[in-house]
């Protein structure tokens, strides 16, 4: 993975995390292991460059959804501190919007979609 600053300064830390191999920007269809890897790298970036925002949970990890992305390769936005972003940025990266989706929401969705092992289901009524 590569991490670098975005040319668009959405926040004091406007970072991007991308895989080294080309993947199309389609966050709603990414595998769980890739999402977890991207999260690990993104958290390291926020922790290193905006430690106060990290400690205060004042950051957002978001993907643009197609067609609302200016580039077609997969990229995760790391925005910190999110409280200092302009209102328009907050609107564009809003949870549940058609324009963007949060990394944690995607991970939760993938976890809910994963079949549970039979041993976990054995005691269900």
C-alpha atoms as a PDB file:
ATOM      1  CA  UNK A   1       0.000   0.000   0.000  1.00  0.00           C
ATOM      2  CA  UNK A   2       1.006   3.612  -0.548  1.00  0.00           C
ATOM      3  CA  UNK A   3      -0.047   6.586   1.565  1.00  0.00           C
ATOM      4  CA  UNK A   4       0.419  10.214   0.580  1.00  0.00           C
ATOM      5  CA  UNK A   5      -1.158  13.646   0.881  1.00  0.00           C
ATOM      6  CA  UNK A   6      -4.042  14.569  -1.372  1.00  0.00           C
ATOM      7  CA  UNK A   7      -3.580  17.601  -3.627  1.00  0.00           C
ATOM      8  CA  UNK A   8      -7.058  18.666  -2.468  1.00  0.00           C
ATOM      9  CA  UNK A   9      -6.653  19.976   1.072  1.00  0.00           C
ATOM     10  CA  UNK A  10      -9.964  18.871   2.557  1.00  0.00           C
ATOM     11  CA  UNK A  11      -8.443  18.913   6.076  1.00  0.00           C
ATOM     12  CA  UNK A  12      -5.083  19.543   7.791  1.00  0.00           C
ATOM     13  CA  UNK A  13      -4.464  15.860   7.075  1.00  0.00           C
ATOM     14  CA  UNK A  14      -5.996  15.031   3.732  1.00  0.00           C
ATOM     15  CA  UNK A  15      -4.308  11.720   3.079  1.00  0.00           C
ATOM     16  CA  UNK A  16      -4.929   8.975   0.577  1.00  0.00           C
ATOM     17  CA  UNK A  17      -4.236   5.273   0.947  1.00  0.00           C
ATOM     18  CA  UNK A  18      -4.096   3.175  -2.213  1.00  0.00           C
ATOM     19  CA  UNK A  19      -3.142  -0.396  -3.049  1.00  0.00           C
ATOM     20  CA  UNK A  20       0.018  -0.751  -5.134  1.00  0.00           C
ATOM     21  CA  UNK A  21      -1.898  -2.722  -7.737  1.00  0.00           C
ATOM     22  CA  UNK A  22      -4.597  -1.011  -9.753  1.00  0.00           C
ATOM     23  CA  UNK A  23      -8.123  -1.644  -8.523  1.00  0.00           C
ATOM     24  CA  UNK A  24     -11.168   0.170  -9.826  1.00  0.00           C
ATOM     25  CA  UNK A  25     -12.849   2.615  -7.409  1.00  0.00           C
ATOM     26  CA  UNK A  26     -15.754   0.376  -6.385  1.00  0.00           C
ATOM     27  CA  UNK A  27     -15.727   0.404  -2.568  1.00  0.00           C
ATOM     28  CA  UNK A  28     -19.077  -1.337  -2.158  1.00  0.00           C
ATOM     29  CA  UNK A  29     -17.632  -4.517  -3.668  1.00  0.00           C
ATOM     30  CA  UNK A  30     -14.246  -4.838  -1.949  1.00  0.00           C
ATOM     31  CA  UNK A  31     -13.284  -7.994  -0.040  1.00  0.00           C
ATOM     32  CA  UNK A  32     -13.062  -7.856   3.737  1.00  0.00           C
ATOM     33  CA  UNK A  33      -9.319  -8.569   3.900  1.00  0.00           C
ATOM     34  CA  UNK A  34      -8.555  -5.600   1.631  1.00  0.00           C
ATOM     35  CA  UNK A  35     -10.804  -3.310   3.677  1.00  0.00           C
ATOM     36  CA  UNK A  36      -9.051  -4.364   6.890  1.00  0.00           C
ATOM     37  CA  UNK A  37      -5.608  -3.800   5.349  1.00  0.00           C
ATOM     38  CA  UNK A  38      -6.584  -0.333   4.136  1.00  0.00           C
ATOM     39  CA  UNK A  39      -7.935   0.494   7.589  1.00  0.00           C
ATOM     40  CA  UNK A  40      -4.714  -0.581   9.286  1.00  0.00           C
ATOM     41  CA  UNK A  41      -2.604   1.639   7.018  1.00  0.00           C
ATOM     42  CA  UNK A  42      -5.042   4.571   7.311  1.00  0.00           C
ATOM     43  CA  UNK A  43      -5.079   4.394  11.110  1.00  0.00           C
ATOM     44  CA  UNK A  44      -1.274   4.412  11.135  1.00  0.00           C
ATOM     45  CA  UNK A  45      -1.306   7.522   8.930  1.00  0.00           C
ATOM     46  CA  UNK A  46      -3.765   9.395  11.152  1.00  0.00           C
ATOM     47  CA  UNK A  47      -1.981   8.289  14.346  1.00  0.00           C
ATOM     48  CA  UNK A  48       1.390   9.483  12.995  1.00  0.00           C
ATOM     49  CA  UNK A  49       0.330  12.786  11.419  1.00  0.00           C
ATOM     50  CA  UNK A  50      -2.609  13.947  13.576  1.00  0.00           C
ATOM     51  CA  UNK A  51      -2.174  12.204  16.947  1.00  0.00           C
ATOM     52  CA  UNK A  52      -4.552  14.554  18.775  1.00  0.00           C
ATOM     53  CA  UNK A  53      -7.284  13.972  16.205  1.00  0.00           C
ATOM     54  CA  UNK A  54      -6.621  10.232  16.415  1.00  0.00           C
ATOM     55  CA  UNK A  55      -6.910  10.233  20.209  1.00  0.00           C
ATOM     56  CA  UNK A  56     -10.125  12.283  20.038  1.00  0.00           C
ATOM     57  CA  UNK A  57     -11.614  10.099  17.264  1.00  0.00           C
ATOM     58  CA  UNK A  58     -11.800  13.294  15.185  1.00  0.00           C
ATOM     59  CA  UNK A  59     -11.061  11.745  11.807  1.00  0.00           C
ATOM     60  CA  UNK A  60     -12.924  10.063   8.976  1.00  0.00           C
ATOM     61  CA  UNK A  61     -11.899   7.259   6.635  1.00  0.00           C
ATOM     62  CA  UNK A  62     -14.057   7.454   3.515  1.00  0.00           C
ATOM     63  CA  UNK A  63     -14.272   6.278  -0.071  1.00  0.00           C
ATOM     64  CA  UNK A  64     -15.979   8.193  -2.859  1.00  0.00           C
ATOM     65  CA  UNK A  65     -18.613   6.122  -4.615  1.00  0.00           C
ATOM     66  CA  UNK A  66     -18.688   6.012  -8.410  1.00  0.00           C
ATOM     67  CA  UNK A  67     -19.447   8.146 -10.331  1.00  0.00           C
ATOM     68  CA  UNK A  68     -18.567  10.808  -7.722  1.00  0.00           C
ATOM     69  CA  UNK A  69     -14.848  10.170  -7.878  1.00  0.00           C
ATOM     70  CA  UNK A  70     -12.409  12.218  -9.920  1.00  0.00           C
ATOM     71  CA  UNK A  71     -10.072   9.238 -10.457  1.00  0.00           C
ATOM     72  CA  UNK A  72     -10.967   5.634 -11.211  1.00  0.00           C
ATOM     73  CA  UNK A  73      -8.350   3.876  -9.080  1.00  0.00           C
ATOM     74  CA  UNK A  74      -9.194   2.755  -5.564  1.00  0.00           C
ATOM     75  CA  UNK A  75      -8.311   5.351  -2.945  1.00  0.00           C
ATOM     76  CA  UNK A  76      -9.295   5.810   0.684  1.00  0.00           C
ATOM     77  CA  UNK A  77      -9.499   9.333   2.100  1.00  0.00           C
ATOM     78  CA  UNK A  78      -8.058   9.973   5.580  1.00  0.00           C
ATOM     79  CA  UNK A  79      -9.387  13.286   6.887  1.00  0.00           C
ATOM     80  CA  UNK A  80      -8.188  14.664  10.229  1.00  0.00           C
ATOM     81  CA  UNK A  81      -9.132  16.547  12.237  1.00  0.00           C
ATOM     82  CA  UNK A  82     -12.557  16.194  10.689  1.00  0.00           C
ATOM     83  CA  UNK A  83     -13.967  18.952  12.906  1.00  0.00           C
ATOM     84  CA  UNK A  84     -11.809  21.462  11.036  1.00  0.00           C
ATOM     85  CA  UNK A  85     -13.044  20.536   7.552  1.00  0.00           C
ATOM     86  CA  UNK A  86     -15.250  22.970   5.639  1.00  0.00           C
ATOM     87  CA  UNK A  87     -19.004  22.396   5.706  1.00  0.00           C
ATOM     88  CA  UNK A  88     -18.997  21.305   2.054  1.00  0.00           C
ATOM     89  CA  UNK A  89     -16.443  18.566   2.832  1.00  0.00           C
ATOM     90  CA  UNK A  90     -18.557  17.360   5.752  1.00  0.00           C
ATOM     91  CA  UNK A  91     -21.528  17.203   3.391  1.00  0.00           C
ATOM     92  CA  UNK A  92     -19.652  15.323   0.644  1.00  0.00           C
ATOM     93  CA  UNK A  93     -18.214  12.768   3.094  1.00  0.00           C
ATOM     94  CA  UNK A  94     -21.429  12.413   5.114  1.00  0.00           C
ATOM     95  CA  UNK A  95     -22.267   8.911   6.370  1.00  0.00           C
ATOM     96  CA  UNK A  96     -24.982   7.312   4.274  1.00  0.00           C
ATOM     97  CA  UNK A  97     -24.680   9.784   1.413  1.00  0.00           C
ATOM     98  CA  UNK A  98     -24.767   8.630  -2.200  1.00  0.00           C
ATOM     99  CA  UNK A  99     -21.358  10.275  -2.720  1.00  0.00           C
ATOM    100  CA  UNK A 100     -19.226   8.535  -0.118  1.00  0.00           C
ATOM    101  CA  UNK A 101     -19.142   5.554   2.207  1.00  0.00           C
ATOM    102  CA  UNK A 102     -17.286   5.042   5.461  1.00  0.00           C
ATOM    103  CA  UNK A 103     -14.701   2.315   5.769  1.00  0.00           C
ATOM    104  CA  UNK A 104     -16.145   1.009   9.059  1.00  0.00           C
ATOM    105  CA  UNK A 105     -19.615   0.761   7.493  1.00  0.00           C
ATOM    106  CA  UNK A 106     -18.200  -1.372   4.672  1.00  0.00           C
ATOM    107  CA  UNK A 107     -16.335  -3.614   7.103  1.00  0.00           C
ATOM    108  CA  UNK A 108     -19.486  -4.082   9.197  1.00  0.00           C
ATOM    109  CA  UNK A 109     -21.454  -4.966   6.064  1.00  0.00           C
ATOM    110  CA  UNK A 110     -18.852  -7.547   4.988  1.00  0.00           C
ATOM    111  CA  UNK A 111     -18.792  -9.085   8.471  1.00  0.00           C
ATOM    112  CA  UNK A 112     -22.589  -9.361   8.459  1.00  0.00           C
ATOM    113  CA  UNK A 113     -22.456 -11.033   5.026  1.00  0.00           C
ATOM    114  CA  UNK A 114     -19.901 -13.659   6.057  1.00  0.00           C
ATOM    115  CA  UNK A 115     -21.381 -17.074   6.809  1.00  0.00           C
ATOM    116  CA  UNK A 116     -20.802 -18.183  10.385  1.00  0.00           C
ATOM    117  CA  UNK A 117     -19.151 -21.546  11.070  1.00  0.00           C
ATOM    118  CA  UNK A 118     -21.526 -24.434  11.797  1.00  0.00           C
ATOM    119  CA  UNK A 119     -20.219 -24.649  15.376  1.00  0.00           C
ATOM    120  CA  UNK A 120     -21.486 -21.102  15.988  1.00  0.00           C
ATOM    121  CA  UNK A 121     -24.934 -22.001  14.661  1.00  0.00           C
ATOM    122  CA  UNK A 122     -25.320 -25.360  16.448  1.00  0.00           C
ATOM    123  CA  UNK A 123     -27.044 -23.926  19.525  1.00  0.00           C
ATOM    124  CA  UNK A 124     -29.580 -21.800  17.656  1.00  0.00           C
ATOM    125  CA  UNK A 125     -33.220 -22.778  18.177  1.00  0.00           C
END
